[in-house]
Amino acid sequence: MKIKLLSIAAALCFIAGAKAQISFGIRGAANFAKEVRYSKQGSSANPAITRFQVASYVEIPIGSDFSFQPGVAFQQTGSKMSTGYQDGEVLMDGWRKVQYLELPLNIIHYFPQNNLGRFFIGAGPYASIAMSGEEKFSKNIVSISFGTDKHIDNMKKYDAGLNFLLGFKLTNGFSVYGGYGLGLLDVKLDDEISTYNRVFSLGLGYQLSF
């Protein structure tokens, strides 16, 4: 009985997948990442630093113009940071660089297709876990410690937020897009200042049906 049920379930999944025309896609983008900070004195933002991201995803149609895109991404965030003052000017030769493994879950809406392709917009939540990170102050580069103890750790290990996408997919499967990652979790261990990731990206993608 169990074998029959598994066989039926597998057959249904195969039929559903065939009808849904599931696609596999990859993306690569340049990230322009920065950190914004909020405190009782107000808000501020560190200058953006150029990083990159690579991602793979599966696209599952859920309607004539809508698709569900779960995926996995290697995401680089961070920001430039000031390291002091000289002649009244802020020195910006410092930086923070963090590498995350990210799991995005996006809903994509496609607009009517023309001879070249079709525009799309998308949005959805993401969750990520820090893999590694470094900070530079003046000439010193140190590794970031992730955890929950503010006495020994520099940053929290997890982040989560919302993704937004806007792009154009050609009929041959290639696409160009812009994205924005809005971090919603405080990633620093600081009782006075809350720090959030902000990532604007520009990239290329390719999607293959199977």
N, C-alpha and C. Protein backbone atom coordinates (compact mmCIF):
# COMPACT_ATOMS: atom_id res chain seq x y z
N MET A 1 0.83 -1.20 0.00
CA MET A 1 0.00 0.00 0.00
C MET A 1 0.87 1.26 0.00
N LYS A 2 1.92 1.27 0.87
CA LYS A 2 2.80 2.43 0.92
C LYS A 2 3.49 2.67 -0.41
N ILE A 3 3.91 1.56 -1.06
CA ILE A 3 4.58 1.69 -2.35
C ILE A 3 3.64 2.28 -3.38
N LYS A 4 2.37 1.84 -3.36
CA LYS A 4 1.39 2.37 -4.30
C LYS A 4 1.15 3.85 -4.07
N LEU A 5 1.04 4.24 -2.80
CA LEU A 5 0.80 5.65 -2.47
C LEU A 5 1.98 6.51 -2.91
N LEU A 6 3.22 6.01 -2.68
CA LEU A 6 4.39 6.76 -3.11
C LEU A 6 4.44 6.88 -4.63
N SER A 7 4.07 5.81 -5.32
CA SER A 7 4.06 5.83 -6.78
C SER A 7 3.04 6.83 -7.30
N ILE A 8 1.87 6.85 -6.67
CA ILE A 8 0.84 7.80 -7.08
C ILE A 8 1.29 9.24 -6.83
N ALA A 9 1.90 9.44 -5.66
CA ALA A 9 2.37 10.78 -5.33
C ALA A 9 3.44 11.25 -6.29
N ALA A 10 4.37 10.35 -6.64
CA ALA A 10 5.42 10.70 -7.59
C ALA A 10 4.83 11.03 -8.96
N ALA A 11 3.84 10.24 -9.37
CA ALA A 11 3.21 10.49 -10.67
C ALA A 11 2.49 11.83 -10.68
N LEU A 12 1.80 12.14 -9.59
CA LEU A 12 1.10 13.42 -9.51
C LEU A 12 2.07 14.58 -9.55
N CYS A 13 3.21 14.45 -8.85
CA CYS A 13 4.23 15.50 -8.86
C CYS A 13 4.79 15.70 -10.26
N PHE A 14 5.01 14.56 -10.97
CA PHE A 14 5.54 14.64 -12.33
C PHE A 14 4.56 15.33 -13.26
N ILE A 15 3.27 14.95 -13.14
CA ILE A 15 2.23 15.56 -13.99
C ILE A 15 2.10 17.05 -13.69
N ALA A 16 2.10 17.37 -12.39
CA ALA A 16 1.97 18.78 -12.00
C ALA A 16 3.15 19.60 -12.50
N GLY A 17 4.35 19.00 -12.37
CA GLY A 17 5.53 19.71 -12.84
C GLY A 17 5.51 19.91 -14.34
N ALA A 18 5.06 18.89 -15.08
CA ALA A 18 5.00 19.00 -16.53
C ALA A 18 4.01 20.07 -16.95
N LYS A 19 2.85 20.10 -16.29
CA LYS A 19 1.85 21.10 -16.64
C LYS A 19 2.29 22.50 -16.24
N ALA A 20 3.03 22.59 -15.14
CA ALA A 20 3.41 23.89 -14.63
C ALA A 20 4.61 24.48 -15.37
N GLN A 21 5.29 23.69 -16.20
CA GLN A 21 6.47 24.15 -16.93
C GLN A 21 7.48 24.79 -15.99
N ILE A 22 7.93 24.01 -15.04
CA ILE A 22 8.91 24.49 -14.07
C ILE A 22 10.21 24.86 -14.78
N SER A 23 10.82 25.97 -14.34
CA SER A 23 12.06 26.44 -14.92
C SER A 23 13.13 26.56 -13.85
N PHE A 24 14.39 26.46 -14.28
CA PHE A 24 15.53 26.66 -13.41
C PHE A 24 16.28 27.90 -13.88
N GLY A 25 16.67 28.75 -12.94
CA GLY A 25 17.34 29.98 -13.33
C GLY A 25 18.56 30.28 -12.48
N ILE A 26 19.47 31.07 -13.03
CA ILE A 26 20.63 31.55 -12.29
C ILE A 26 20.73 33.06 -12.50
N ARG A 27 21.29 33.74 -11.49
CA ARG A 27 21.46 35.18 -11.56
C ARG A 27 22.83 35.57 -11.01
N GLY A 28 23.38 36.63 -11.54
CA GLY A 28 24.60 37.22 -11.00
C GLY A 28 24.47 38.72 -11.04
N ALA A 29 24.91 39.39 -9.99
CA ALA A 29 24.69 40.83 -9.92
C ALA A 29 25.79 41.53 -9.15
N ALA A 30 25.96 42.80 -9.45
CA ALA A 30 26.80 43.68 -8.65
C ALA A 30 25.94 44.27 -7.54
N ASN A 31 26.43 44.18 -6.32
CA ASN A 31 25.73 44.74 -5.17
C ASN A 31 26.32 46.09 -4.79
N PHE A 32 25.45 47.02 -4.49
CA PHE A 32 25.85 48.30 -3.92
C PHE A 32 25.26 48.34 -2.52
N ALA A 33 26.06 47.84 -1.58
CA ALA A 33 25.55 47.56 -0.23
C ALA A 33 25.94 48.66 0.74
N LYS A 34 25.06 48.91 1.69
CA LYS A 34 25.36 49.86 2.76
C LYS A 34 24.58 49.47 4.01
N GLU A 35 24.92 50.09 5.10
CA GLU A 35 24.24 49.88 6.38
C GLU A 35 23.62 51.20 6.83
N VAL A 36 22.38 51.12 7.30
CA VAL A 36 21.74 52.29 7.89
C VAL A 36 21.63 52.07 9.39
N ARG A 37 21.76 53.16 10.15
CA ARG A 37 21.78 53.07 11.61
C ARG A 37 20.73 54.00 12.20
N TYR A 38 20.06 53.52 13.24
CA TYR A 38 19.04 54.29 13.93
C TYR A 38 19.37 54.33 15.42
N SER A 39 19.24 55.53 15.97
CA SER A 39 19.47 55.72 17.40
C SER A 39 18.53 56.81 17.91
N LYS A 40 18.62 57.13 19.18
CA LYS A 40 17.79 58.19 19.74
C LYS A 40 18.12 59.54 19.13
N GLN A 41 19.32 59.69 18.60
CA GLN A 41 19.74 60.95 18.00
C GLN A 41 19.28 61.09 16.55
N GLY A 42 18.77 60.02 15.96
CA GLY A 42 18.32 60.07 14.58
C GLY A 42 18.86 58.90 13.77
N SER A 43 18.90 59.07 12.47
CA SER A 43 19.35 58.01 11.57
C SER A 43 20.53 58.49 10.73
N SER A 44 21.32 57.55 10.26
CA SER A 44 22.46 57.85 9.39
C SER A 44 22.74 56.62 8.54
N ALA A 45 23.51 56.82 7.47
CA ALA A 45 23.85 55.71 6.58
C ALA A 45 25.31 55.78 6.21
N ASN A 46 25.99 54.64 6.27
CA ASN A 46 27.36 54.57 5.79
C ASN A 46 27.37 54.55 4.26
N PRO A 47 28.40 55.07 3.62
CA PRO A 47 28.49 55.00 2.16
C PRO A 47 28.47 53.56 1.65
N ALA A 48 27.94 53.40 0.44
CA ALA A 48 27.82 52.06 -0.14
C ALA A 48 29.17 51.52 -0.58
N ILE A 49 29.29 50.21 -0.54
CA ILE A 49 30.47 49.50 -1.01
C ILE A 49 30.02 48.51 -2.09
N THR A 50 30.85 48.33 -3.13
CA THR A 50 30.49 47.43 -4.22
C THR A 50 30.85 46.00 -3.87
N ARG A 51 29.85 45.11 -3.92
CA ARG A 51 30.06 43.68 -3.66
C ARG A 51 29.43 42.90 -4.81
N PHE A 52 29.08 41.63 -4.62
CA PHE A 52 28.41 40.88 -5.66
C PHE A 52 27.53 39.79 -5.05
N GLN A 53 26.72 39.18 -5.88
CA GLN A 53 25.87 38.06 -5.47
C GLN A 53 25.70 37.10 -6.64
N VAL A 54 25.52 35.83 -6.32
CA VAL A 54 25.14 34.81 -7.29
C VAL A 54 23.99 34.02 -6.68
N ALA A 55 23.04 33.63 -7.53
CA ALA A 55 21.85 32.96 -7.01
C ALA A 55 21.34 31.94 -8.02
N SER A 56 20.70 30.93 -7.52
CA SER A 56 19.98 29.97 -8.36
C SER A 56 18.57 29.84 -7.80
N TYR A 57 17.63 29.52 -8.67
CA TYR A 57 16.23 29.45 -8.23
C TYR A 57 15.43 28.51 -9.12
N VAL A 58 14.30 28.10 -8.63
CA VAL A 58 13.32 27.33 -9.40
C VAL A 58 12.08 28.19 -9.55
N GLU A 59 11.56 28.30 -10.76
CA GLU A 59 10.35 29.08 -10.99
C GLU A 59 9.17 28.13 -11.24
N ILE A 60 8.13 28.31 -10.43
CA ILE A 60 6.94 27.46 -10.50
C ILE A 60 5.74 28.34 -10.82
N PRO A 61 5.17 28.24 -12.02
CA PRO A 61 4.00 29.06 -12.36
C PRO A 61 2.83 28.75 -11.43
N ILE A 62 2.16 29.80 -10.97
CA ILE A 62 0.98 29.64 -10.11
C ILE A 62 -0.22 30.37 -10.70
N GLY A 63 -0.13 30.71 -11.95
CA GLY A 63 -1.20 31.40 -12.66
C GLY A 63 -0.70 31.81 -14.02
N SER A 64 -1.53 32.45 -14.80
CA SER A 64 -1.14 32.81 -16.16
C SER A 64 0.00 33.82 -16.19
N ASP A 65 0.05 34.71 -15.19
CA ASP A 65 1.07 35.75 -15.17
C ASP A 65 1.89 35.78 -13.89
N PHE A 66 1.68 34.82 -12.99
CA PHE A 66 2.38 34.80 -11.71
C PHE A 66 3.20 33.53 -11.56
N SER A 67 4.34 33.65 -10.85
CA SER A 67 5.19 32.50 -10.57
C SER A 67 5.75 32.61 -9.16
N PHE A 68 6.06 31.46 -8.58
CA PHE A 68 6.71 31.38 -7.29
C PHE A 68 8.17 31.01 -7.53
N GLN A 69 9.09 31.76 -6.93
CA GLN A 69 10.52 31.54 -7.13
C GLN A 69 11.25 31.33 -5.80
N PRO A 70 11.33 30.10 -5.31
CA PRO A 70 12.23 29.83 -4.18
C PRO A 70 13.65 29.67 -4.70
N GLY A 71 14.63 30.08 -3.91
CA GLY A 71 16.00 29.98 -4.38
C GLY A 71 17.01 29.96 -3.26
N VAL A 72 18.28 29.98 -3.64
CA VAL A 72 19.39 30.06 -2.70
C VAL A 72 20.43 30.98 -3.31
N ALA A 73 21.04 31.85 -2.48
CA ALA A 73 21.97 32.85 -3.00
C ALA A 73 23.18 32.99 -2.09
N PHE A 74 24.30 33.29 -2.72
CA PHE A 74 25.49 33.71 -2.00
C PHE A 74 25.49 35.23 -2.07
N GLN A 75 25.27 35.87 -0.94
CA GLN A 75 25.02 37.31 -0.91
C GLN A 75 26.12 38.03 -0.13
N GLN A 76 26.68 39.07 -0.74
CA GLN A 76 27.70 39.85 -0.07
C GLN A 76 27.14 41.23 0.29
N THR A 77 27.26 41.61 1.56
CA THR A 77 26.80 42.90 2.03
C THR A 77 27.95 43.63 2.71
N GLY A 78 27.63 44.78 3.30
CA GLY A 78 28.63 45.54 4.02
C GLY A 78 28.46 47.02 3.80
N SER A 79 29.52 47.79 4.04
CA SER A 79 29.49 49.23 3.82
C SER A 79 30.89 49.78 4.01
N LYS A 80 31.10 50.98 3.53
CA LYS A 80 32.30 51.72 3.87
C LYS A 80 32.13 52.31 5.26
N MET A 81 33.22 52.56 5.95
CA MET A 81 33.15 53.11 7.30
C MET A 81 34.23 54.15 7.51
N SER A 82 33.93 55.16 8.28
CA SER A 82 34.93 56.18 8.60
C SER A 82 35.89 55.64 9.64
N THR A 83 37.13 56.09 9.55
CA THR A 83 38.15 55.64 10.51
C THR A 83 38.77 56.80 11.28
N GLY A 84 38.25 58.01 11.07
CA GLY A 84 38.79 59.15 11.79
C GLY A 84 38.63 60.43 11.00
N TYR A 85 39.32 61.47 11.42
CA TYR A 85 39.25 62.78 10.77
C TYR A 85 40.66 63.28 10.45
N GLN A 86 40.75 64.03 9.36
CA GLN A 86 42.01 64.65 8.98
C GLN A 86 41.71 65.98 8.29
N ASP A 87 42.21 67.07 8.85
CA ASP A 87 41.97 68.40 8.31
C ASP A 87 40.48 68.69 8.17
N GLY A 88 39.71 68.23 9.13
CA GLY A 88 38.27 68.48 9.13
C GLY A 88 37.46 67.56 8.24
N GLU A 89 38.10 66.59 7.55
CA GLU A 89 37.39 65.67 6.66
C GLU A 89 37.35 64.28 7.28
N VAL A 90 36.23 63.59 7.02
CA VAL A 90 36.06 62.23 7.51
C VAL A 90 36.82 61.26 6.61
N LEU A 91 37.65 60.42 7.19
CA LEU A 91 38.39 59.42 6.42
C LEU A 91 37.51 58.19 6.22
N MET A 92 37.37 57.73 4.95
CA MET A 92 36.46 56.62 4.64
C MET A 92 37.21 55.41 4.09
N ASP A 93 38.42 55.17 4.55
CA ASP A 93 39.18 54.04 4.02
C ASP A 93 38.86 52.74 4.75
N GLY A 94 37.96 52.78 5.71
CA GLY A 94 37.55 51.56 6.40
C GLY A 94 36.35 50.92 5.72
N TRP A 95 36.10 49.66 6.00
CA TRP A 95 34.95 48.97 5.43
C TRP A 95 34.58 47.76 6.27
N ARG A 96 33.36 47.30 6.06
CA ARG A 96 32.89 46.03 6.62
C ARG A 96 32.35 45.19 5.48
N LYS A 97 32.77 43.92 5.40
CA LYS A 97 32.33 43.01 4.35
C LYS A 97 31.82 41.72 4.99
N VAL A 98 30.59 41.35 4.66
CA VAL A 98 29.97 40.15 5.24
C VAL A 98 29.42 39.28 4.12
N GLN A 99 29.64 37.99 4.24
CA GLN A 99 29.12 37.00 3.27
C GLN A 99 27.98 36.22 3.92
N TYR A 100 26.84 36.18 3.23
CA TYR A 100 25.67 35.46 3.73
C TYR A 100 25.26 34.34 2.77
N LEU A 101 24.67 33.29 3.33
CA LEU A 101 23.92 32.30 2.55
C LEU A 101 22.45 32.67 2.72
N GLU A 102 21.81 33.00 1.63
CA GLU A 102 20.46 33.58 1.68
C GLU A 102 19.43 32.66 1.02
N LEU A 103 18.24 32.62 1.59
CA LEU A 103 17.12 31.85 1.04
C LEU A 103 15.98 32.81 0.72
N PRO A 104 15.84 33.24 -0.55
CA PRO A 104 14.75 34.12 -0.95
C PRO A 104 13.52 33.34 -1.41
N LEU A 105 12.35 33.87 -1.14
CA LEU A 105 11.09 33.28 -1.57
C LEU A 105 10.26 34.38 -2.24
N ASN A 106 10.36 34.48 -3.56
CA ASN A 106 9.76 35.59 -4.28
C ASN A 106 8.53 35.18 -5.08
N ILE A 107 7.58 36.10 -5.19
CA ILE A 107 6.45 35.98 -6.10
C ILE A 107 6.71 36.94 -7.26
N ILE A 108 6.65 36.41 -8.49
CA ILE A 108 6.96 37.18 -9.69
C ILE A 108 5.69 37.39 -10.51
N HIS A 109 5.49 38.61 -10.98
CA HIS A 109 4.38 38.91 -11.88
C HIS A 109 4.94 39.32 -13.24
N TYR A 110 4.51 38.64 -14.30
CA TYR A 110 4.94 38.96 -15.66
C TYR A 110 3.87 39.77 -16.37
N PHE A 111 4.33 40.72 -17.18
CA PHE A 111 3.41 41.51 -17.98
C PHE A 111 3.31 40.90 -19.38
N PRO A 112 2.27 41.25 -20.13
CA PRO A 112 2.06 40.62 -21.44
C PRO A 112 3.31 40.60 -22.30
N GLN A 113 3.51 39.49 -22.99
CA GLN A 113 4.73 39.27 -23.76
C GLN A 113 4.66 39.97 -25.10
N ASN A 114 5.81 40.51 -25.55
CA ASN A 114 5.92 41.03 -26.91
C ASN A 114 6.93 40.18 -27.68
N ASN A 115 7.39 40.66 -28.83
CA ASN A 115 8.30 39.87 -29.66
C ASN A 115 9.65 39.64 -29.01
N LEU A 116 10.08 40.55 -28.13
CA LEU A 116 11.38 40.43 -27.50
C LEU A 116 11.34 39.65 -26.19
N GLY A 117 10.29 39.84 -25.43
CA GLY A 117 10.19 39.21 -24.11
C GLY A 117 9.10 39.87 -23.30
N ARG A 118 9.29 39.92 -21.97
CA ARG A 118 8.27 40.55 -21.13
C ARG A 118 8.90 41.10 -19.85
N PHE A 119 8.32 42.19 -19.37
CA PHE A 119 8.74 42.79 -18.13
C PHE A 119 8.23 41.97 -16.95
N PHE A 120 8.93 42.09 -15.82
CA PHE A 120 8.45 41.42 -14.62
C PHE A 120 8.78 42.26 -13.39
N ILE A 121 7.97 42.09 -12.37
CA ILE A 121 8.24 42.66 -11.05
C ILE A 121 8.09 41.52 -10.05
N GLY A 122 8.75 41.64 -8.93
CA GLY A 122 8.67 40.58 -7.93
C GLY A 122 8.98 41.09 -6.54
N ALA A 123 8.55 40.33 -5.56
CA ALA A 123 8.83 40.68 -4.16
C ALA A 123 8.64 39.43 -3.31
N GLY A 124 9.26 39.44 -2.15
CA GLY A 124 9.12 38.32 -1.23
C GLY A 124 10.10 38.40 -0.08
N PRO A 125 9.92 37.57 0.91
CA PRO A 125 10.82 37.57 2.07
C PRO A 125 12.11 36.80 1.81
N TYR A 126 13.10 37.08 2.63
CA TYR A 126 14.32 36.29 2.60
C TYR A 126 14.83 36.10 4.03
N ALA A 127 15.57 35.04 4.22
CA ALA A 127 16.27 34.77 5.48
C ALA A 127 17.69 34.38 5.14
N SER A 128 18.65 34.82 5.95
CA SER A 128 20.04 34.53 5.64
C SER A 128 20.85 34.27 6.89
N ILE A 129 21.95 33.55 6.70
CA ILE A 129 22.87 33.23 7.79
C ILE A 129 24.27 33.65 7.38
N ALA A 130 24.97 34.34 8.27
CA ALA A 130 26.31 34.83 7.97
C ALA A 130 27.30 33.67 7.89
N MET A 131 28.15 33.69 6.87
CA MET A 131 29.17 32.68 6.68
C MET A 131 30.54 33.16 7.14
N SER A 132 30.85 34.42 6.84
CA SER A 132 32.14 34.99 7.22
C SER A 132 32.05 36.50 7.08
N GLY A 133 33.07 37.19 7.61
CA GLY A 133 33.09 38.64 7.48
C GLY A 133 34.40 39.22 7.97
N GLU A 134 34.70 40.42 7.47
CA GLU A 134 35.92 41.12 7.87
C GLU A 134 35.63 42.61 8.00
N GLU A 135 36.43 43.27 8.83
CA GLU A 135 36.37 44.71 8.98
C GLU A 135 37.76 45.30 8.81
N LYS A 136 37.82 46.48 8.20
CA LYS A 136 39.10 47.17 8.05
C LYS A 136 39.02 48.53 8.73
N PHE A 137 39.97 48.79 9.62
CA PHE A 137 40.12 50.09 10.25
C PHE A 137 41.56 50.54 10.02
N SER A 138 41.70 51.66 9.31
CA SER A 138 43.03 52.11 8.89
C SER A 138 43.71 50.99 8.09
N LYS A 139 44.81 50.43 8.57
CA LYS A 139 45.49 49.37 7.83
C LYS A 139 45.23 47.99 8.42
N ASN A 140 44.42 47.93 9.46
CA ASN A 140 44.18 46.65 10.15
C ASN A 140 42.91 45.99 9.64
N ILE A 141 43.03 44.71 9.28
CA ILE A 141 41.87 43.91 8.85
C ILE A 141 41.68 42.78 9.86
N VAL A 142 40.47 42.71 10.41
CA VAL A 142 40.18 41.69 11.43
C VAL A 142 38.94 40.91 11.02
N SER A 143 38.86 39.67 11.47
CA SER A 143 37.69 38.83 11.21
C SER A 143 36.55 39.21 12.14
N ILE A 144 35.33 39.12 11.62
CA ILE A 144 34.14 39.41 12.41
C ILE A 144 33.71 38.15 13.14
N SER A 145 33.39 38.31 14.41
CA SER A 145 32.86 37.21 15.22
C SER A 145 31.34 37.33 15.28
N PHE A 146 30.64 36.26 14.92
CA PHE A 146 29.18 36.25 14.90
C PHE A 146 28.64 35.48 16.10
N GLY A 147 27.59 36.01 16.72
CA GLY A 147 26.99 35.34 17.87
C GLY A 147 26.01 36.25 18.57
N THR A 148 25.78 35.97 19.85
CA THR A 148 24.80 36.73 20.63
C THR A 148 25.42 37.40 21.86
N ASP A 149 26.69 37.16 22.11
CA ASP A 149 27.36 37.74 23.28
C ASP A 149 28.06 39.03 22.85
N LYS A 150 27.52 40.19 23.28
CA LYS A 150 28.07 41.46 22.84
C LYS A 150 29.46 41.74 23.40
N HIS A 151 29.89 40.96 24.38
CA HIS A 151 31.22 41.15 24.96
C HIS A 151 32.32 40.52 24.11
N ILE A 152 31.96 39.50 23.32
CA ILE A 152 32.97 38.82 22.51
C ILE A 152 32.63 38.78 21.02
N ASP A 153 31.37 39.02 20.67
CA ASP A 153 30.95 38.95 19.27
C ASP A 153 30.72 40.35 18.71
N ASN A 154 30.89 40.47 17.38
CA ASN A 154 30.72 41.75 16.70
C ASN A 154 29.34 41.92 16.09
N MET A 155 28.82 40.83 15.52
CA MET A 155 27.55 40.91 14.81
C MET A 155 26.69 39.70 15.09
N LYS A 156 25.39 39.86 14.85
CA LYS A 156 24.48 38.72 14.93
C LYS A 156 24.66 37.85 13.70
N LYS A 157 24.31 36.59 13.84
CA LYS A 157 24.57 35.63 12.76
C LYS A 157 23.48 35.61 11.70
N TYR A 158 22.29 36.12 12.04
CA TYR A 158 21.15 35.98 11.13
C TYR A 158 20.63 37.33 10.67
N ASP A 159 20.07 37.33 9.48
CA ASP A 159 19.39 38.50 8.93
C ASP A 159 18.14 38.02 8.21
N ALA A 160 17.19 38.92 8.03
CA ALA A 160 15.96 38.62 7.30
C ALA A 160 15.36 39.93 6.84
N GLY A 161 14.57 39.86 5.78
CA GLY A 161 13.96 41.07 5.26
C GLY A 161 13.12 40.80 4.05
N LEU A 162 13.04 41.78 3.16
CA LEU A 162 12.22 41.70 1.96
C LEU A 162 13.07 41.97 0.73
N ASN A 163 12.79 41.22 -0.35
CA ASN A 163 13.42 41.43 -1.66
C ASN A 163 12.44 42.09 -2.61
N PHE A 164 12.94 42.95 -3.49
CA PHE A 164 12.14 43.55 -4.54
C PHE A 164 12.92 43.43 -5.85
N LEU A 165 12.22 43.04 -6.93
CA LEU A 165 12.85 42.83 -8.23
C LEU A 165 12.09 43.56 -9.33
N LEU A 166 12.82 44.04 -10.32
CA LEU A 166 12.23 44.66 -11.50
C LEU A 166 13.15 44.36 -12.67
N GLY A 167 12.59 43.80 -13.76
CA GLY A 167 13.47 43.44 -14.86
C GLY A 167 12.74 43.13 -16.15
N PHE A 168 13.51 42.65 -17.11
CA PHE A 168 12.98 42.27 -18.42
C PHE A 168 13.62 40.95 -18.82
N LYS A 169 12.76 39.96 -19.15
CA LYS A 169 13.25 38.64 -19.58
C LYS A 169 13.03 38.47 -21.07
N LEU A 170 14.12 38.19 -21.79
CA LEU A 170 14.04 37.96 -23.22
C LEU A 170 13.42 36.60 -23.51
N THR A 171 12.95 36.42 -24.75
CA THR A 171 12.34 35.15 -25.14
C THR A 171 13.35 34.01 -25.15
N ASN A 172 14.66 34.32 -25.25
CA ASN A 172 15.67 33.27 -25.24
C ASN A 172 16.08 32.85 -23.83
N GLY A 173 15.46 33.44 -22.79
CA GLY A 173 15.74 33.04 -21.41
C GLY A 173 16.65 33.98 -20.65
N PHE A 174 17.38 34.85 -21.34
CA PHE A 174 18.25 35.81 -20.65
C PHE A 174 17.42 36.96 -20.09
N SER A 175 17.92 37.55 -19.02
CA SER A 175 17.20 38.65 -18.39
C SER A 175 18.17 39.68 -17.83
N VAL A 176 17.69 40.90 -17.69
CA VAL A 176 18.39 41.97 -16.98
C VAL A 176 17.45 42.44 -15.88
N TYR A 177 18.02 42.81 -14.74
CA TYR A 177 17.14 43.15 -13.63
C TYR A 177 17.85 44.06 -12.63
N GLY A 178 17.03 44.71 -11.84
CA GLY A 178 17.50 45.46 -10.69
C GLY A 178 16.80 44.93 -9.46
N GLY A 179 17.48 44.96 -8.35
CA GLY A 179 16.90 44.43 -7.11
C GLY A 179 17.21 45.31 -5.92
N TYR A 180 16.43 45.12 -4.88
CA TYR A 180 16.67 45.86 -3.64
C TYR A 180 16.37 44.95 -2.46
N GLY A 181 17.32 44.83 -1.56
CA GLY A 181 17.15 44.04 -0.35
C GLY A 181 16.98 44.95 0.85
N LEU A 182 15.85 44.84 1.52
CA LEU A 182 15.51 45.67 2.67
C LEU A 182 15.64 44.83 3.94
N GLY A 183 16.76 44.95 4.63
CA GLY A 183 16.96 44.19 5.86
C GLY A 183 16.05 44.69 6.97
N LEU A 184 15.43 43.77 7.69
CA LEU A 184 14.49 44.12 8.75
C LEU A 184 14.96 43.70 10.14
N LEU A 185 16.10 43.01 10.21
CA LEU A 185 16.65 42.60 11.50
C LEU A 185 17.89 43.42 11.82
N ASP A 186 17.99 43.83 13.07
CA ASP A 186 19.19 44.52 13.56
C ASP A 186 20.34 43.52 13.56
N VAL A 187 21.40 43.82 12.81
CA VAL A 187 22.49 42.85 12.65
C VAL A 187 23.67 43.11 13.59
N LYS A 188 23.62 44.18 14.35
CA LYS A 188 24.73 44.50 15.25
C LYS A 188 24.34 44.26 16.71
N LEU A 189 25.35 44.02 17.54
CA LEU A 189 25.15 43.82 18.97
C LEU A 189 25.43 45.14 19.69
N ASP A 190 24.46 46.04 19.62
CA ASP A 190 24.61 47.38 20.20
C ASP A 190 23.27 47.78 20.82
N ASP A 191 23.29 48.13 22.09
CA ASP A 191 22.06 48.50 22.78
C ASP A 191 21.60 49.90 22.41
N GLU A 192 22.49 50.73 21.89
CA GLU A 192 22.16 52.13 21.61
C GLU A 192 21.84 52.39 20.15
N ILE A 193 22.40 51.59 19.25
CA ILE A 193 22.23 51.82 17.81
C ILE A 193 21.75 50.54 17.13
N SER A 194 20.74 50.67 16.28
CA SER A 194 20.24 49.54 15.48
C SER A 194 20.77 49.67 14.06
N THR A 195 21.30 48.58 13.51
CA THR A 195 21.93 48.60 12.19
C THR A 195 21.24 47.60 11.26
N TYR A 196 20.93 48.07 10.03
CA TYR A 196 20.20 47.24 9.09
C TYR A 196 20.90 47.25 7.73
N ASN A 197 20.85 46.11 7.04
CA ASN A 197 21.43 46.00 5.71
C ASN A 197 20.50 46.58 4.65
N ARG A 198 21.10 47.26 3.70
CA ARG A 198 20.38 47.75 2.51
C ARG A 198 21.25 47.41 1.31
N VAL A 199 20.67 46.72 0.32
CA VAL A 199 21.45 46.27 -0.84
C VAL A 199 20.69 46.57 -2.13
N PHE A 200 21.26 47.42 -2.98
CA PHE A 200 20.74 47.65 -4.32
C PHE A 200 21.62 46.87 -5.29
N SER A 201 21.00 46.16 -6.24
CA SER A 201 21.77 45.30 -7.14
C SER A 201 21.34 45.49 -8.59
N LEU A 202 22.29 45.29 -9.50
CA LEU A 202 22.05 45.29 -10.94
C LEU A 202 22.70 44.04 -11.52
N GLY A 203 21.92 43.24 -12.28
CA GLY A 203 22.49 41.99 -12.72
C GLY A 203 21.88 41.41 -13.97
N LEU A 204 22.40 40.23 -14.33
CA LEU A 204 21.96 39.44 -15.47
C LEU A 204 21.54 38.07 -15.00
N GLY A 205 20.65 37.46 -15.77
CA GLY A 205 20.19 36.12 -15.42
C GLY A 205 19.92 35.28 -16.64
N TYR A 206 19.77 33.99 -16.41
CA TYR A 206 19.38 33.07 -17.49
C TYR A 206 18.45 32.01 -16.91
N GLN A 207 17.38 31.74 -17.64
CA GLN A 207 16.36 30.80 -17.16
C GLN A 207 16.14 29.72 -18.21
N LEU A 208 16.14 28.46 -17.75
CA LEU A 208 16.03 27.32 -18.65
C LEU A 208 14.85 26.45 -18.21
N SER A 209 13.94 26.19 -19.12
CA SER A 209 12.80 25.31 -18.83
C SER A 209 13.23 23.86 -18.96
N PHE A 210 12.63 22.99 -18.13
CA PHE A 210 12.91 21.55 -18.23
C PHE A 210 11.68 20.74 -17.88
